[in-house]
Protein backbone atom coordinates (compact mmCIF):
# COMPACT_ATOMS: atom_id res chain seq x y z
CA UNK A 1 -0.07 0.00 -0.13
CA UNK A 2 2.88 2.42 0.81
CA UNK A 3 4.14 1.64 -2.72
CA UNK A 4 1.03 2.60 -4.08
CA UNK A 5 0.78 5.99 -2.43
CA UNK A 6 4.35 6.97 -3.17
CA UNK A 7 3.37 6.13 -6.90
CA UNK A 8 0.36 8.67 -6.81
CA UNK A 9 -2.17 5.38 -6.50
CA UNK A 10 -0.45 3.78 -9.52
CA UNK A 11 1.13 0.42 -8.38
CA UNK A 12 4.25 -0.51 -10.99
CA UNK A 13 5.79 -3.37 -11.52
CA UNK A 14 9.16 -1.96 -10.13
CA UNK A 15 8.08 -1.42 -6.92
CA UNK A 16 8.06 -4.37 -4.49
CA UNK A 17 6.90 -5.35 -1.14
CA UNK A 18 9.52 -4.78 1.58
CA UNK A 19 10.63 -7.67 3.37
CA UNK A 20 14.04 -8.42 5.54
CA UNK A 21 17.04 -9.74 3.82
CA UNK A 22 17.52 -13.68 4.25
CA UNK A 23 21.02 -14.10 5.88
CA UNK A 24 22.24 -15.90 2.86
CA UNK A 25 21.61 -12.31 0.99
CA UNK A 26 23.14 -10.22 3.84
CA UNK A 27 26.37 -12.25 3.59
CA UNK A 28 26.83 -12.23 -0.14
CA UNK A 29 25.82 -8.05 0.29
CA UNK A 30 28.53 -7.50 2.83
CA UNK A 31 30.95 -9.66 1.14
CA UNK A 32 30.78 -7.40 -1.93
CA UNK A 33 31.17 -4.48 0.17
CA UNK A 34 34.42 -5.07 1.81
CA UNK A 35 37.67 -4.43 0.22
CA UNK A 36 40.41 -7.34 -0.17
CA UNK A 37 42.43 -7.32 3.20
CA UNK A 38 39.92 -5.26 5.33
CA UNK A 39 39.04 -8.45 7.47
CA UNK A 40 42.13 -7.75 9.36
CA UNK A 41 40.06 -4.65 10.87
CA UNK A 42 37.65 -7.45 12.35
CA UNK A 43 40.74 -8.42 14.70
CA UNK A 44 41.46 -4.86 15.54
CA UNK A 45 37.74 -4.50 16.28
CA UNK A 46 37.52 -7.39 18.91
CA UNK A 47 40.69 -5.76 20.49
CA UNK A 48 38.92 -2.41 20.72
CA UNK A 49 35.63 -4.04 22.24
CA UNK A 50 37.82 -6.05 24.64
CA UNK A 51 39.63 -2.49 25.64
CA UNK A 52 36.30 -0.34 25.66
CA UNK A 53 34.11 -2.84 27.60
CA UNK A 54 37.02 -3.36 30.11
CA UNK A 55 37.17 0.37 30.85
CA UNK A 56 33.56 0.75 31.15
CA UNK A 57 33.16 -2.53 33.28
CA UNK A 58 30.55 -3.88 31.37
CA UNK A 59 29.59 -6.20 28.02
CA UNK A 60 25.98 -5.37 28.09
CA UNK A 61 24.77 -3.49 25.14
CA UNK A 62 22.59 -1.34 26.98
CA UNK A 63 25.16 0.09 29.20
CA UNK A 64 28.03 0.11 26.28
CA UNK A 65 26.63 1.52 23.52
CA UNK A 66 25.18 4.69 24.75
CA UNK A 67 28.70 6.26 26.03
CA UNK A 68 30.51 5.00 23.05
CA UNK A 69 27.99 7.07 20.77
CA UNK A 70 28.49 10.19 23.03
CA UNK A 71 32.30 9.93 22.59
CA UNK A 72 32.69 9.87 18.80
CA UNK A 73 31.16 13.32 18.17
CA UNK A 74 33.47 15.02 20.59
CA UNK A 75 36.59 13.30 20.53
CA UNK A 76 40.31 12.98 18.54
CA UNK A 77 40.26 10.79 15.62
CA UNK A 78 42.31 8.24 17.33
CA UNK A 79 39.37 7.86 20.04
CA UNK A 80 36.80 8.13 17.31
CA UNK A 81 38.17 5.13 15.05
CA UNK A 82 38.96 3.04 18.33
CA UNK A 83 35.05 3.27 19.19
CA UNK A 84 33.99 2.65 15.73
CA UNK A 85 36.05 -0.47 15.70
CA UNK A 86 34.30 -1.59 19.08
CA UNK A 87 30.94 -0.68 17.30
CA UNK A 88 31.82 -2.82 14.34
CA UNK A 89 32.64 -5.76 16.52
CA UNK A 90 29.10 -5.43 18.05
CA UNK A 91 27.34 -5.13 14.13
CA UNK A 92 29.77 -8.26 13.41
CA UNK A 93 27.75 -10.22 16.25
CA UNK A 94 30.94 -10.11 18.43
CA UNK A 95 33.00 -12.34 16.31
CA UNK A 96 35.58 -12.08 13.55
CA UNK A 97 33.50 -13.97 11.11
CA UNK A 98 34.80 -17.64 12.28
CA UNK A 99 31.86 -18.88 13.27
CA UNK A 100 29.22 -20.96 11.37
CA UNK A 101 27.20 -18.76 9.09
CA UNK A 102 23.89 -19.38 10.76
CA UNK A 103 25.12 -18.61 14.25
CA UNK A 104 27.06 -15.39 13.01
CA UNK A 105 24.18 -14.02 10.84
CA UNK A 106 21.85 -14.45 13.74
CA UNK A 107 23.88 -12.42 16.36
CA UNK A 108 24.78 -10.09 13.74
CA UNK A 109 20.79 -9.25 13.29
CA UNK A 110 20.18 -9.42 16.78
CA UNK A 111 23.17 -7.00 17.42
CA UNK A 112 21.91 -4.69 14.65
CA UNK A 113 18.77 -4.31 16.58
CA UNK A 114 20.44 -3.53 19.85
CA UNK A 115 22.44 -0.77 17.85
CA UNK A 116 19.19 0.58 16.52
CA UNK A 117 17.48 1.17 19.73
CA UNK A 118 20.51 3.61 20.62
CA UNK A 119 19.61 5.39 17.45
CA UNK A 120 23.34 4.44 16.07
CA UNK A 121 22.71 5.61 12.29
CA UNK A 122 21.99 9.29 13.11
CA UNK A 123 25.42 9.37 14.63
CA UNK A 124 27.05 7.82 11.75
CA UNK A 125 25.55 10.21 9.42
CA UNK A 126 26.69 12.99 11.68
CA UNK A 127 30.22 11.62 11.45
CA UNK A 128 30.07 11.03 7.56
CA UNK A 129 29.25 14.61 7.36
CA UNK A 130 31.88 15.95 9.76
CA UNK A 131 34.58 13.67 7.67
CA UNK A 132 33.52 15.10 4.04
CA UNK A 133 33.77 18.61 5.58
CA UNK A 134 37.11 18.34 6.40
CA UNK A 135 39.76 19.80 3.68
CA UNK A 136 41.36 16.92 1.89
CA UNK A 137 44.57 18.78 1.30
CA UNK A 138 45.23 19.37 5.23
CA UNK A 139 44.59 15.61 6.01
CA UNK A 140 47.44 13.42 7.32
CA UNK A 141 48.79 10.81 5.18
CA UNK A 142 48.86 8.09 7.54
CA UNK A 143 45.56 6.17 6.59
CA UNK A 144 43.56 7.15 9.55
CA UNK A 145 41.04 9.08 7.32
CA UNK A 146 40.38 6.18 4.85
CA UNK A 147 39.95 3.81 8.01
CA UNK A 148 37.67 6.12 9.49
CA UNK A 149 35.42 6.29 6.30
CA UNK A 150 35.59 2.43 6.04
CA UNK A 151 34.50 2.13 9.62
CA UNK A 152 31.45 4.26 9.45
CA UNK A 153 30.33 2.84 6.11
CA UNK A 154 30.51 -0.66 7.23
CA UNK A 155 28.54 -0.08 10.06
CA UNK A 156 26.12 2.02 8.11
CA UNK A 157 25.51 -0.79 5.53
CA UNK A 158 24.99 -3.52 7.87
CA UNK A 159 22.45 -1.40 9.58
CA UNK A 160 20.60 -0.95 5.98
CA UNK A 161 21.24 -4.43 5.39
CA UNK A 162 18.95 -5.59 8.46
CA UNK A 163 16.62 -2.76 8.70
CA UNK A 164 16.02 -1.68 4.93
CA UNK A 165 12.51 -3.28 5.07
CA UNK A 166 11.30 -1.30 8.11
CA UNK A 167 9.07 1.65 7.14
CA UNK A 168 10.04 3.96 9.93
CA UNK A 169 13.41 3.33 9.32
CA UNK A 170 13.20 4.25 5.63
CA UNK A 171 11.47 7.30 6.25
CA UNK A 172 14.30 8.52 8.48
CA UNK A 173 16.73 7.98 5.52
CA UNK A 174 15.13 11.03 3.84
CA UNK A 175 15.40 13.10 7.24
CA UNK A 176 18.12 15.37 8.07
CA UNK A 177 20.48 13.73 10.07
CA UNK A 178 23.81 15.45 9.26
CA UNK A 179 25.33 18.21 11.06
CA UNK A 180 23.55 21.09 8.83
CA UNK A 181 20.50 19.00 8.19
CA UNK A 182 21.48 17.23 5.42
CA UNK A 183 19.97 13.43 4.86
CA UNK A 184 22.28 10.46 4.11
CA UNK A 185 21.04 10.23 0.57
CA UNK A 186 22.31 13.87 0.01
CA UNK A 187 25.72 13.44 1.75
CA UNK A 188 26.41 10.04 -0.11
CA UNK A 189 26.07 11.67 -3.38
CA UNK A 190 28.59 14.37 -2.21
CA UNK A 191 30.90 11.83 -1.28
CA UNK A 192 30.51 10.15 -4.80
CA UNK A 193 31.63 13.54 -6.28
CA UNK A 194 34.09 14.32 -3.83
CA UNK A 195 35.63 10.76 -4.97
CA UNK A 196 37.35 12.46 -8.18
CA UNK A 197 39.24 14.67 -6.08
CA UNK A 198 39.80 12.65 -2.71
CA UNK A 199 41.73 9.26 -2.77
CA UNK A 200 40.54 8.66 0.78
CA UNK A 201 36.81 8.29 0.22
CA UNK A 202 36.17 4.30 -1.00
CA UNK A 203 34.26 4.72 -3.93
CA UNK A 204 33.18 0.99 -4.04
CA UNK A 205 31.80 1.53 -0.45
CA UNK A 206 29.94 4.94 -1.63
CA UNK A 207 28.44 3.52 -4.42
CA UNK A 208 26.87 0.30 -3.18
CA UNK A 209 25.78 2.07 -0.05
CA UNK A 210 24.17 4.59 -2.25
CA UNK A 211 22.40 1.87 -4.09
CA UNK A 212 21.09 0.31 -1.02
CA UNK A 213 19.95 3.60 0.39
CA UNK A 214 17.97 4.28 -3.28
CA UNK A 215 16.85 0.64 -3.41
CA UNK A 216 15.21 1.21 0.15
CA UNK A 217 13.81 4.93 -0.12
CA UNK A 218 12.34 4.20 -3.91
CA UNK A 219 11.00 0.74 -2.81
CA UNK A 220 12.33 -1.03 -6.22
CA UNK A 221 13.84 -4.30 -6.73
CA UNK A 222 17.34 -5.16 -6.81
CA UNK A 223 17.47 -5.67 -10.72
CA UNK A 224 16.51 -1.89 -10.97
CA UNK A 225 19.77 -0.53 -9.58
CA UNK A 226 22.00 -3.96 -10.08
CA UNK A 227 25.53 -2.71 -9.71
CA UNK A 228 27.13 -5.46 -8.33
CA UNK A 229 31.20 -4.74 -7.94
CA UNK A 230 32.93 -8.13 -7.30
CA UNK A 231 33.46 -10.03 -3.92
CA UNK A 232 36.31 -10.89 -1.71
CA UNK A 233 35.63 -14.45 -1.81
CA UNK A 234 33.54 -15.17 1.74
CA UNK A 235 30.94 -17.51 0.44
CA UNK A 236 29.14 -15.49 -2.46
CA UNK A 237 27.33 -17.48 -5.43
CA UNK A 238 29.84 -18.23 -8.02
CA UNK A 239 29.63 -16.86 -11.47
CA UNK A 240 28.62 -19.34 -14.40
CA UNK A 241 30.11 -19.85 -17.35
CA UNK A 242 30.20 -16.82 -19.90
CA UNK A 243 28.18 -17.82 -23.12
CA UNK A 244 28.07 -16.26 -26.79
CA UNK A 245 24.80 -15.60 -27.98
CA UNK A 246 23.89 -14.45 -31.38
CA UNK A 247 22.84 -10.44 -31.03
CA UNK A 248 24.67 -7.17 -31.35
CA UNK A 249 25.14 -7.04 -27.45
CA UNK A 250 27.41 -8.88 -25.08
CA UNK A 251 25.84 -11.64 -23.69
CA UNK A 252 24.78 -11.94 -19.78
CA UNK A 253 27.02 -13.49 -17.50
CA UNK A 254 24.97 -15.35 -14.91
CA UNK A 255 25.60 -15.95 -11.16
CA UNK A 256 24.39 -19.13 -9.87
CA UNK A 257 23.21 -19.19 -5.95
CA UNK A 258 21.38 -21.92 -4.32
CA UNK A 259 18.80 -24.00 -6.15
CA UNK A 260 15.72 -22.55 -6.77
CA UNK A 261 17.51 -19.27 -6.69
CA UNK A 262 16.43 -16.56 -9.42
CA UNK A 263 19.44 -15.80 -11.97
CA UNK A 264 20.15 -12.40 -12.28
CA UNK A 265 22.08 -10.56 -15.14
CA UNK A 266 25.70 -9.07 -14.41
CA UNK A 267 26.25 -5.39 -14.95
CA UNK A 268 28.26 -5.41 -18.04
CA UNK A 269 29.07 -2.90 -20.94
CA UNK A 270 26.30 -3.50 -23.63
CA UNK A 271 27.77 -0.99 -26.44
CA UNK A 272 30.65 -0.51 -28.71
CA UNK A 273 30.74 3.27 -27.61
CA UNK A 274 30.65 2.32 -23.96
CA UNK A 275 33.41 0.02 -24.63
CA UNK A 276 35.54 2.75 -26.08
CA UNK A 277 34.80 5.51 -23.31
CA UNK A 278 35.64 2.42 -20.75
CA UNK A 279 39.19 2.13 -22.36
CA UNK A 280 39.63 6.17 -22.14
CA UNK A 281 38.66 6.32 -18.46
CA UNK A 282 41.10 3.60 -17.97
CA UNK A 283 43.72 5.47 -19.77
CA UNK A 284 43.44 8.69 -17.78
CA UNK A 285 43.12 6.79 -14.37
CA UNK A 286 46.62 4.92 -15.40
CA UNK A 287 48.08 8.39 -16.39
CA UNK A 288 46.88 10.01 -13.17
CA UNK A 289 48.82 7.44 -10.94
CA UNK A 290 51.49 6.56 -13.45
CA UNK A 291 55.10 6.61 -11.32
CA UNK A 292 53.17 7.37 -8.03
CA UNK A 293 51.59 4.22 -7.11
CA UNK A 294 48.21 3.20 -7.25
CA UNK A 295 45.85 3.47 -4.21
CA UNK A 296 44.33 -0.15 -3.25
CA UNK A 297 40.69 1.14 -4.32
CA UNK A 298 42.22 2.18 -8.02
CA UNK A 299 44.04 -1.13 -8.43
CA UNK A 300 40.65 -2.79 -7.52
CA UNK A 301 38.75 -0.59 -10.00
CA UNK A 302 41.37 -1.23 -12.89
CA UNK A 303 40.62 -5.15 -12.26
CA UNK A 304 36.88 -4.62 -12.47
CA UNK A 305 37.59 -2.60 -15.54
CA UNK A 306 39.65 -5.37 -16.71
CA UNK A 307 36.97 -8.03 -16.27
CA UNK A 308 34.30 -5.93 -18.01
CA UNK A 309 36.69 -5.57 -21.29
CA UNK A 310 37.22 -9.17 -21.52
CA UNK A 311 33.57 -10.12 -21.05
CA UNK A 312 32.59 -7.55 -24.00
CA UNK A 313 35.35 -9.19 -26.23
CA UNK A 314 33.97 -12.91 -25.67
CA UNK A 315 30.28 -11.85 -26.15
CA UNK A 316 29.85 -8.64 -28.08
CA UNK A 317 29.15 -9.01 -31.95
CA UNK A 318 31.50 -6.86 -33.36
CA UNK A 319 30.91 -5.03 -36.59
CA UNK A 320 33.62 -5.16 -39.15
CA UNK A 321 33.79 -1.19 -39.08
CA UNK A 322 34.26 -1.23 -35.50
CA UNK A 323 37.08 -3.71 -35.67
CA UNK A 324 39.07 -1.38 -38.22
CA UNK A 325 38.13 1.19 -35.33
CA UNK A 326 40.16 -0.63 -32.95
CA UNK A 327 42.88 -1.37 -35.38
CA UNK A 328 43.15 2.53 -36.20
CA UNK A 329 43.48 4.26 -32.86
CA UNK A 330 46.54 3.52 -30.85
CA UNK A 331 44.56 3.21 -27.35
CA UNK A 332 42.84 0.49 -28.50
CA UNK A 333 45.75 -1.62 -30.30
CA UNK A 334 46.37 -4.01 -27.31
CA UNK A 335 42.58 -4.35 -26.99
CA UNK A 336 42.39 -5.34 -30.63
CA UNK A 337 45.54 -7.72 -30.32
CA UNK A 338 43.53 -9.67 -27.37
CA UNK A 339 40.57 -9.49 -29.80
CA UNK A 340 42.31 -11.30 -32.19
CA UNK A 341 44.09 -13.87 -29.90
CA UNK A 342 40.46 -14.69 -28.78
CA UNK A 343 39.28 -15.03 -32.16
CA UNK A 344 41.96 -17.35 -33.24
CA UNK A 345 41.07 -19.58 -30.40
CA UNK A 346 37.04 -19.54 -31.27
CA UNK A 347 36.23 -17.57 -27.93
CA UNK A 348 34.50 -14.68 -29.61
CA UNK A 349 31.00 -14.34 -31.10
CA UNK A 350 30.56 -14.20 -34.74
CA UNK A 351 30.83 -10.94 -36.32
CA UNK A 352 27.71 -8.63 -37.68
CA UNK A 353 27.40 -8.25 -41.22
CA UNK A 354 28.86 -5.37 -42.91
């Protein structure tokens, strides 16, 4: 009924009834959200929880969470990070991910509800607003800013995964919760724009978090905003085999989940113009970081681009004019050579007629 009200009384096929995510869906989504190597933060989070709970003399959430939330708004960066690590450990079901999945996800769901009772999301949003308001040029090069962004985004994302079906929670996402009254969605758009000039903001987390917020606020199915970016290998469904199909677009790569699950199309490059634009973007990124070393997020992004290019070469039905275009342009020479290599092995789709 709420979906009908928001659409002016006309139900649409894109809208879907809100439902809690299953444990498997939460695990897969959070797995995708993490960067490679980020799991080491889980151990640091455990140590922070043990230290803070010992100093407060309690491990009871009802007693421990309120002082933690009071501290983060007025403390130094070191104390803020230590506190967010403590709250991340609570969000992770007080584990480092080394317990059986059913038990882990059940504990995470219960702890998400405990954090919600103490209004953790408004404090997370205010902290994000504070970080975005800092001058990127004056921030120290010690990795602490990047870490604080990651911790805030991780805690926010887990709250969205476990509470995205709750109508009251979704309505709160549209309210001004930042320091100057900005809602979360506005801050995420601001963060996405800032990523072009601020390498400390983890772009993958911003995009996936923005996607999850929009899915909740707009009440549409995942397929409408499907922007999967790859996982760190913690149990998500594996990708199916790539197959060519007789059309002018790239064929879909399917992800096969458990028996009976609906197969979903993986995001992909569909047109030759987008394919060339992808190469130009990759070239500009490589030129920007040439000789200076690439941040981990940039390296991961380039690997994602590489995968999209490979999928396109294998499954797109090229027109002869497009083949000639690749031959004639220097920035596509390596790609053309790779296409010829795949073609010699019979691993590409048939060309379209001239």
